[in-house]
């Protein structure tokens, strides 16, 4: 998934997937980087998503299928 752009309550967020593999684990965990695009401030939020795979490329293919609505939900949970 290349980056996506989400709009939420007048804020513009750039969303990019990442894969993280923690020590002593064989699977990759899907993460999202949400970066606010604002003139006078910038915020970044890292959020995990409940998808794992032994293959990074398969994880990114699955990330392509995640809806914008699902990404809005993840972002909303981290902004509260």
PDB file of N, CA and C in Angstrom:
ATOM      1  N   UNK A   1       0.862  -1.171   0.000  1.00  0.00           N
ATOM      2  CA  UNK A   1       0.000   0.000   0.000  1.00  0.00           C
ATOM      3  C   UNK A   1       0.902   1.226   0.000  1.00  0.00           C
ATOM      4  N   UNK A   2       0.701   2.057  -0.979  1.00  0.00           N
ATOM      5  CA  UNK A   2       1.364   3.354  -0.934  1.00  0.00           C
ATOM      6  C   UNK A   2       0.632   4.164   0.118  1.00  0.00           C
ATOM      7  N   UNK A   3       1.062   5.364   0.371  1.00  0.00           N
ATOM      8  CA  UNK A   3       0.388   6.115   1.413  1.00  0.00           C
ATOM      9  C   UNK A   3      -1.016   6.490   0.963  1.00  0.00           C
ATOM     10  N   UNK A   4      -1.859   6.751   1.948  1.00  0.00           N
ATOM     11  CA  UNK A   4      -3.210   7.260   1.693  1.00  0.00           C
ATOM     12  C   UNK A   4      -3.346   8.579   2.436  1.00  0.00           C
ATOM     13  N   UNK A   5      -4.326   9.345   2.019  1.00  0.00           N
ATOM     14  CA  UNK A   5      -4.611  10.603   2.699  1.00  0.00           C
ATOM     15  C   UNK A   5      -6.022  10.521   3.242  1.00  0.00           C
ATOM     16  N   UNK A   6      -6.160  10.771   4.549  1.00  0.00           N
ATOM     17  CA  UNK A   6      -7.458  10.773   5.211  1.00  0.00           C
ATOM     18  C   UNK A   6      -7.755  12.173   5.710  1.00  0.00           C
ATOM     19  N   UNK A   7      -9.015  12.512   5.716  1.00  0.00           N
ATOM     20  CA  UNK A   7      -9.449  13.781   6.272  1.00  0.00           C
ATOM     21  C   UNK A   7     -10.361  13.479   7.446  1.00  0.00           C
ATOM     22  N   UNK A   8     -10.092  14.113   8.582  1.00  0.00           N
ATOM     23  CA  UNK A   8     -10.872  13.878   9.794  1.00  0.00           C
ATOM     24  C   UNK A   8     -11.053  15.188  10.534  1.00  0.00           C
ATOM     25  N   UNK A   9     -12.294  15.629  10.656  1.00  0.00           N
ATOM     26  CA  UNK A   9     -12.625  16.852  11.395  1.00  0.00           C
ATOM     27  C   UNK A   9     -11.735  18.033  10.991  1.00  0.00           C
ATOM     28  N   UNK A  10     -11.564  18.220   9.712  1.00  0.00           N
ATOM     29  CA  UNK A  10     -10.783  19.344   9.213  1.00  0.00           C
ATOM     30  C   UNK A  10      -9.281  19.126   9.226  1.00  0.00           C
ATOM     31  N   UNK A  11      -8.831  17.988   9.694  1.00  0.00           N
ATOM     32  CA  UNK A  11      -7.399  17.676   9.713  1.00  0.00           C
ATOM     33  C   UNK A  11      -7.089  16.722   8.560  1.00  0.00           C
ATOM     34  N   UNK A  12      -5.918  16.864   7.991  1.00  0.00           N
ATOM     35  CA  UNK A  12      -5.477  15.981   6.918  1.00  0.00           C
ATOM     36  C   UNK A  12      -4.361  15.097   7.465  1.00  0.00           C
ATOM     37  N   UNK A  13      -4.512  13.794   7.271  1.00  0.00           N
ATOM     38  CA  UNK A  13      -3.543  12.821   7.775  1.00  0.00           C
ATOM     39  C   UNK A  13      -2.989  11.989   6.625  1.00  0.00           C
ATOM     40  N   UNK A  14      -1.678  11.826   6.602  1.00  0.00           N
ATOM     41  CA  UNK A  14      -1.017  10.941   5.651  1.00  0.00           C
ATOM     42  C   UNK A  14      -0.793   9.611   6.370  1.00  0.00           C
ATOM     43  N   UNK A  15      -1.227   8.540   5.738  1.00  0.00           N
ATOM     44  CA  UNK A  15      -1.184   7.215   6.368  1.00  0.00           C
ATOM     45  C   UNK A  15      -0.252   6.329   5.554  1.00  0.00           C
ATOM     46  N   UNK A  16       0.658   5.666   6.257  1.00  0.00           N
ATOM     47  CA  UNK A  16       1.605   4.790   5.598  1.00  0.00           C
ATOM     48  C   UNK A  16       1.756   3.493   6.397  1.00  0.00           C
ATOM     49  N   UNK A  17       1.774   2.339   5.732  1.00  0.00           N
ATOM     50  CA  UNK A  17       1.935   1.076   6.450  1.00  0.00           C
ATOM     51  C   UNK A  17       3.408   0.799   6.767  1.00  0.00           C
ATOM     52  N   UNK A  18       3.613   0.001   7.775  1.00  0.00           N
ATOM     53  CA  UNK A  18       4.955  -0.456   8.136  1.00  0.00           C
ATOM     54  C   UNK A  18       4.807  -1.854   8.724  1.00  0.00           C
ATOM     55  N   UNK A  19       5.872  -2.588   8.745  1.00  0.00           N
ATOM     56  CA  UNK A  19       5.864  -3.917   9.342  1.00  0.00           C
ATOM     57  C   UNK A  19       6.889  -3.938  10.464  1.00  0.00           C
ATOM     58  N   UNK A  20       6.497  -4.541  11.567  1.00  0.00           N
ATOM     59  CA  UNK A  20       7.383  -4.611  12.725  1.00  0.00           C
ATOM     60  C   UNK A  20       7.474  -6.068  13.162  1.00  0.00           C
ATOM     61  N   UNK A  21       8.683  -6.515  13.416  1.00  0.00           N
ATOM     62  CA  UNK A  21       8.869  -7.860  13.957  1.00  0.00           C
ATOM     63  C   UNK A  21       9.603  -7.718  15.277  1.00  0.00           C
ATOM     64  N   UNK A  22       8.951  -8.128  16.313  1.00  0.00           N
ATOM     65  CA  UNK A  22       9.532  -8.005  17.648  1.00  0.00           C
ATOM     66  C   UNK A  22      10.514  -9.146  17.918  1.00  0.00           C
ATOM     67  N   UNK A  23      11.386  -8.912  18.872  1.00  0.00           N
ATOM     68  CA  UNK A  23      12.398  -9.906  19.224  1.00  0.00           C
ATOM     69  C   UNK A  23      11.732 -11.230  19.604  1.00  0.00           C
ATOM     70  N   UNK A  24      12.337 -12.298  19.183  1.00  0.00           N
ATOM     71  CA  UNK A  24      11.886 -13.661  19.494  1.00  0.00           C
ATOM     72  C   UNK A  24      10.511 -13.993  18.925  1.00  0.00           C
ATOM     73  N   UNK A  25      10.082 -13.310  17.874  1.00  0.00           N
ATOM     74  CA  UNK A  25       8.831 -13.639  17.199  1.00  0.00           C
ATOM     75  C   UNK A  25       9.104 -13.868  15.718  1.00  0.00           C
ATOM     76  N   UNK A  26       8.384 -14.819  15.145  1.00  0.00           N
ATOM     77  CA  UNK A  26       8.592 -15.161  13.742  1.00  0.00           C
ATOM     78  C   UNK A  26       7.683 -14.382  12.805  1.00  0.00           C
ATOM     79  N   UNK A  27       6.667 -13.735  13.332  1.00  0.00           N
ATOM     80  CA  UNK A  27       5.705 -13.048  12.474  1.00  0.00           C
ATOM     81  C   UNK A  27       5.905 -11.533  12.486  1.00  0.00           C
ATOM     82  N   UNK A  28       5.481 -10.923  11.400  1.00  0.00           N
ATOM     83  CA  UNK A  28       5.495  -9.469  11.260  1.00  0.00           C
ATOM     84  C   UNK A  28       4.142  -8.933  11.659  1.00  0.00           C
ATOM     85  N   UNK A  29       4.105  -7.815  12.367  1.00  0.00           N
ATOM     86  CA  UNK A  29       2.880  -7.147  12.800  1.00  0.00           C
ATOM     87  C   UNK A  29       2.685  -5.907  11.930  1.00  0.00           C
ATOM     88  N   UNK A  30       1.456  -5.684  11.460  1.00  0.00           N
ATOM     89  CA  UNK A  30       1.170  -4.503  10.660  1.00  0.00           C
ATOM     90  C   UNK A  30       1.023  -3.280  11.558  1.00  0.00           C
ATOM     91  N   UNK A  31       1.692  -2.218  11.182  1.00  0.00           N
ATOM     92  CA  UNK A  31       1.642  -0.947  11.894  1.00  0.00           C
ATOM     93  C   UNK A  31       1.254   0.127  10.885  1.00  0.00           C
ATOM     94  N   UNK A  32       0.681   1.205  11.383  1.00  0.00           N
ATOM     95  CA  UNK A  32       0.388   2.353  10.530  1.00  0.00           C
ATOM     96  C   UNK A  32       0.994   3.602  11.147  1.00  0.00           C
ATOM     97  N   UNK A  33       1.565   4.410  10.288  1.00  0.00           N
ATOM     98  CA  UNK A  33       2.059   5.722  10.676  1.00  0.00           C
ATOM     99  C   UNK A  33       1.031   6.732  10.178  1.00  0.00           C
ATOM    100  N   UNK A  34       0.474   7.501  11.109  1.00  0.00           N
ATOM    101  CA  UNK A  34      -0.455   8.573  10.779  1.00  0.00           C
ATOM    102  C   UNK A  34       0.284   9.882  11.034  1.00  0.00           C
ATOM    103  N   UNK A  35       0.473  10.669   9.998  1.00  0.00           N
ATOM    104  CA  UNK A  35       1.174  11.944  10.150  1.00  0.00           C
ATOM    105  C   UNK A  35       0.237  13.071   9.730  1.00  0.00           C
ATOM    106  N   UNK A  36       0.029  13.980  10.675  1.00  0.00           N
ATOM    107  CA  UNK A  36      -0.856  15.105  10.402  1.00  0.00           C
ATOM    108  C   UNK A  36      -0.150  16.093   9.486  1.00  0.00           C
ATOM    109  N   UNK A  37      -0.862  16.551   8.508  1.00  0.00           N
ATOM    110  CA  UNK A  37      -0.316  17.531   7.576  1.00  0.00           C
ATOM    111  C   UNK A  37      -0.968  18.864   7.894  1.00  0.00           C
ATOM    112  N   UNK A  38      -0.283  19.673   8.671  1.00  0.00           N
ATOM    113  CA  UNK A  38      -0.825  20.970   9.082  1.00  0.00           C
ATOM    114  C   UNK A  38       0.251  22.034   8.912  1.00  0.00           C
ATOM    115  N   UNK A  39      -0.201  23.245   8.749  1.00  0.00           N
ATOM    116  CA  UNK A  39       0.723  24.347   8.510  1.00  0.00           C
ATOM    117  C   UNK A  39       1.593  24.671   9.720  1.00  0.00           C
ATOM    118  N   UNK A  40       0.984  24.748  10.901  1.00  0.00           N
ATOM    119  CA  UNK A  40       1.711  25.230  12.077  1.00  0.00           C
ATOM    120  C   UNK A  40       2.097  24.142  13.077  1.00  0.00           C
ATOM    121  N   UNK A  41       1.712  22.928  12.801  1.00  0.00           N
ATOM    122  CA  UNK A  41       2.083  21.850  13.727  1.00  0.00           C
ATOM    123  C   UNK A  41       2.123  20.536  12.965  1.00  0.00           C
ATOM    124  N   UNK A  42       2.811  19.612  13.528  1.00  0.00           N
ATOM    125  CA  UNK A  42       2.799  18.279  12.938  1.00  0.00           C
ATOM    126  C   UNK A  42       2.791  17.252  14.065  1.00  0.00           C
ATOM    127  N   UNK A  43       1.965  16.283  13.896  1.00  0.00           N
ATOM    128  CA  UNK A  43       1.868  15.191  14.867  1.00  0.00           C
ATOM    129  C   UNK A  43       2.063  13.885  14.122  1.00  0.00           C
ATOM    130  N   UNK A  44       2.605  12.924  14.817  1.00  0.00           N
ATOM    131  CA  UNK A  44       2.741  11.585  14.262  1.00  0.00           C
ATOM    132  C   UNK A  44       2.211  10.589  15.279  1.00  0.00           C
ATOM    133  N   UNK A  45       1.464   9.638  14.785  1.00  0.00           N
ATOM    134  CA  UNK A  45       0.916   8.583  15.634  1.00  0.00           C
ATOM    135  C   UNK A  45       1.262   7.249  14.991  1.00  0.00           C
ATOM    136  N   UNK A  46       1.795   6.346  15.793  1.00  0.00           N
ATOM    137  CA  UNK A  46       2.046   4.985  15.346  1.00  0.00           C
ATOM    138  C   UNK A  46       0.995   4.092  15.987  1.00  0.00           C
ATOM    139  N   UNK A  47       0.360   3.253  15.177  1.00  0.00           N
ATOM    140  CA  UNK A  47      -0.697   2.384  15.691  1.00  0.00           C
ATOM    141  C   UNK A  47      -0.561   0.987  15.098  1.00  0.00           C
ATOM    142  N   UNK A  48      -0.712  -0.013  15.944  1.00  0.00           N
ATOM    143  CA  UNK A  48      -0.688  -1.384  15.446  1.00  0.00           C
ATOM    144  C   UNK A  48      -2.062  -1.739  14.887  1.00  0.00           C
ATOM    145  N   UNK A  49      -2.079  -2.678  13.977  1.00  0.00           N
ATOM    146  CA  UNK A  49      -3.319  -3.164  13.375  1.00  0.00           C
ATOM    147  C   UNK A  49      -3.325  -4.676  13.554  1.00  0.00           C
ATOM    148  N   UNK A  50      -4.469  -5.271  13.840  1.00  0.00           N
ATOM    149  CA  UNK A  50      -4.491  -6.708  14.161  1.00  0.00           C
ATOM    150  C   UNK A  50      -4.317  -7.623  12.946  1.00  0.00           C
ATOM    151  N   UNK A  51      -3.187  -7.498  12.276  1.00  0.00           N
ATOM    152  CA  UNK A  51      -2.822  -8.391  11.182  1.00  0.00           C
ATOM    153  C   UNK A  51      -1.376  -8.809  11.375  1.00  0.00           C
ATOM    154  N   UNK A  52      -1.135 -10.094  11.241  1.00  0.00           N
ATOM    155  CA  UNK A  52       0.222 -10.633  11.337  1.00  0.00           C
ATOM    156  C   UNK A  52       0.468 -11.574  10.179  1.00  0.00           C
ATOM    157  N   UNK A  53       1.729 -11.722   9.818  1.00  0.00           N
ATOM    158  CA  UNK A  53       2.096 -12.652   8.760  1.00  0.00           C
ATOM    159  C   UNK A  53       3.572 -13.006   8.900  1.00  0.00           C
ATOM    160  N   UNK A  54       3.927 -14.155   8.380  1.00  0.00           N
ATOM    161  CA  UNK A  54       5.346 -14.534   8.381  1.00  0.00           C
ATOM    162  C   UNK A  54       6.074 -13.856   7.218  1.00  0.00           C
ATOM    163  N   UNK A  55       5.309 -13.252   6.318  1.00  0.00           N
ATOM    164  CA  UNK A  55       5.877 -12.581   5.151  1.00  0.00           C
ATOM    165  C   UNK A  55       5.516 -11.098   5.156  1.00  0.00           C
ATOM    166  N   UNK A  56       6.526 -10.251   5.056  1.00  0.00           N
ATOM    167  CA  UNK A  56       6.278  -8.806   4.999  1.00  0.00           C
ATOM    168  C   UNK A  56       5.469  -8.444   3.757  1.00  0.00           C
ATOM    169  N   UNK A  57       5.809  -9.021   2.627  1.00  0.00           N
ATOM    170  CA  UNK A  57       5.104  -8.659   1.394  1.00  0.00           C
ATOM    171  C   UNK A  57       3.638  -9.055   1.456  1.00  0.00           C
ATOM    172  N   UNK A  58       3.329 -10.197   2.043  1.00  0.00           N
ATOM    173  CA  UNK A  58       1.931 -10.605   2.180  1.00  0.00           C
ATOM    174  C   UNK A  58       1.192  -9.661   3.126  1.00  0.00           C
ATOM    175  N   UNK A  59       1.874  -9.178   4.136  1.00  0.00           N
ATOM    176  CA  UNK A  59       1.279  -8.226   5.074  1.00  0.00           C
ATOM    177  C   UNK A  59       0.927  -6.916   4.366  1.00  0.00           C
ATOM    178  N   UNK A  60       1.803  -6.442   3.495  1.00  0.00           N
ATOM    179  CA  UNK A  60       1.537  -5.207   2.753  1.00  0.00           C
ATOM    180  C   UNK A  60       0.418  -5.400   1.726  1.00  0.00           C
ATOM    181  N   UNK A  61       0.316  -6.582   1.147  1.00  0.00           N
ATOM    182  CA  UNK A  61      -0.785  -6.873   0.222  1.00  0.00           C
ATOM    183  C   UNK A  61      -2.117  -6.822   0.968  1.00  0.00           C
ATOM    184  N   UNK A  62      -2.141  -7.388   2.183  1.00  0.00           N
ATOM    185  CA  UNK A  62      -3.354  -7.339   3.000  1.00  0.00           C
ATOM    186  C   UNK A  62      -3.678  -5.901   3.415  1.00  0.00           C
ATOM    187  N   UNK A  63      -2.668  -5.095   3.650  1.00  0.00           N
ATOM    188  CA  UNK A  63      -2.876  -3.695   4.042  1.00  0.00           C
ATOM    189  C   UNK A  63      -3.585  -2.922   2.930  1.00  0.00           C
ATOM    190  N   UNK A  64      -3.329  -3.294   1.673  1.00  0.00           N
ATOM    191  CA  UNK A  64      -3.990  -2.640   0.536  1.00  0.00           C
ATOM    192  C   UNK A  64      -5.505  -2.768   0.617  1.00  0.00           C
ATOM    193  N   UNK A  65      -5.982  -3.857   1.207  1.00  0.00           N
ATOM    194  CA  UNK A  65      -7.417  -4.152   1.256  1.00  0.00           C
ATOM    195  C   UNK A  65      -8.142  -3.499   2.432  1.00  0.00           C
ATOM    196  N   UNK A  66      -7.419  -2.853   3.308  1.00  0.00           N
ATOM    197  CA  UNK A  66      -8.037  -2.213   4.472  1.00  0.00           C
ATOM    198  C   UNK A  66      -8.738  -0.943   4.018  1.00  0.00           C
ATOM    199  N   UNK A  67      -9.987  -0.813   4.423  1.00  0.00           N
ATOM    200  CA  UNK A  67     -10.793   0.334   3.989  1.00  0.00           C
ATOM    201  C   UNK A  67     -10.375   1.617   4.697  1.00  0.00           C
ATOM    202  N   UNK A  68     -10.714   2.730   4.083  1.00  0.00           N
ATOM    203  CA  UNK A  68     -10.468   4.028   4.710  1.00  0.00           C
ATOM    204  C   UNK A  68     -11.245   4.139   6.021  1.00  0.00           C
ATOM    205  N   UNK A  69     -12.444   3.557   6.073  1.00  0.00           N
ATOM    206  CA  UNK A  69     -13.252   3.598   7.295  1.00  0.00           C
ATOM    207  C   UNK A  69     -12.523   2.898   8.448  1.00  0.00           C
ATOM    208  N   UNK A  70     -11.896   1.765   8.153  1.00  0.00           N
ATOM    209  CA  UNK A  70     -11.148   1.044   9.187  1.00  0.00           C
ATOM    210  C   UNK A  70      -9.961   1.876   9.667  1.00  0.00           C
ATOM    211  N   UNK A  71      -9.304   2.565   8.739  1.00  0.00           N
ATOM    212  CA  UNK A  71      -8.179   3.419   9.123  1.00  0.00           C
ATOM    213  C   UNK A  71      -8.657   4.605   9.959  1.00  0.00           C
ATOM    214  N   UNK A  72      -9.829   5.148   9.616  1.00  0.00           N
ATOM    215  CA  UNK A  72     -10.419   6.225  10.425  1.00  0.00           C
ATOM    216  C   UNK A  72     -10.664   5.754  11.852  1.00  0.00           C
ATOM    217  N   UNK A  73     -11.148   4.518  12.008  1.00  0.00           N
ATOM    218  CA  UNK A  73     -11.397   3.964  13.347  1.00  0.00           C
ATOM    219  C   UNK A  73     -10.111   3.846  14.150  1.00  0.00           C
ATOM    220  N   UNK A  74      -9.060   3.361  13.523  1.00  0.00           N
ATOM    221  CA  UNK A  74      -7.771   3.228  14.215  1.00  0.00           C
ATOM    222  C   UNK A  74      -7.279   4.605  14.658  1.00  0.00           C
ATOM    223  N   UNK A  75      -7.337   5.570  13.765  1.00  0.00           N
ATOM    224  CA  UNK A  75      -6.890   6.919  14.087  1.00  0.00           C
ATOM    225  C   UNK A  75      -7.729   7.514  15.210  1.00  0.00           C
ATOM    226  N   UNK A  76      -9.028   7.345  15.141  1.00  0.00           N
ATOM    227  CA  UNK A  76      -9.934   7.891  16.175  1.00  0.00           C
ATOM    228  C   UNK A  76      -9.609   7.327  17.558  1.00  0.00           C
ATOM    229  N   UNK A  77      -9.308   6.031  17.620  1.00  0.00           N
ATOM    230  CA  UNK A  77      -8.968   5.416  18.917  1.00  0.00           C
ATOM    231  C   UNK A  77      -7.717   6.039  19.533  1.00  0.00           C
ATOM    232  N   UNK A  78      -6.796   6.461  18.702  1.00  0.00           N
ATOM    233  CA  UNK A  78      -5.536   7.015  19.210  1.00  0.00           C
ATOM    234  C   UNK A  78      -5.590   8.520  19.464  1.00  0.00           C
ATOM    235  N   UNK A  79      -6.626   9.162  18.969  1.00  0.00           N
ATOM    236  CA  UNK A  79      -6.752  10.599  19.199  1.00  0.00           C
ATOM    237  C   UNK A  79      -7.567  10.922  20.443  1.00  0.00           C
ATOM    238  N   UNK A  80      -8.253   9.951  20.989  1.00  0.00           N
ATOM    239  CA  UNK A  80      -9.099  10.200  22.171  1.00  0.00           C
ATOM    240  C   UNK A  80      -8.273  10.199  23.423  1.00  0.00           C
TER     241      UNK A  80
END
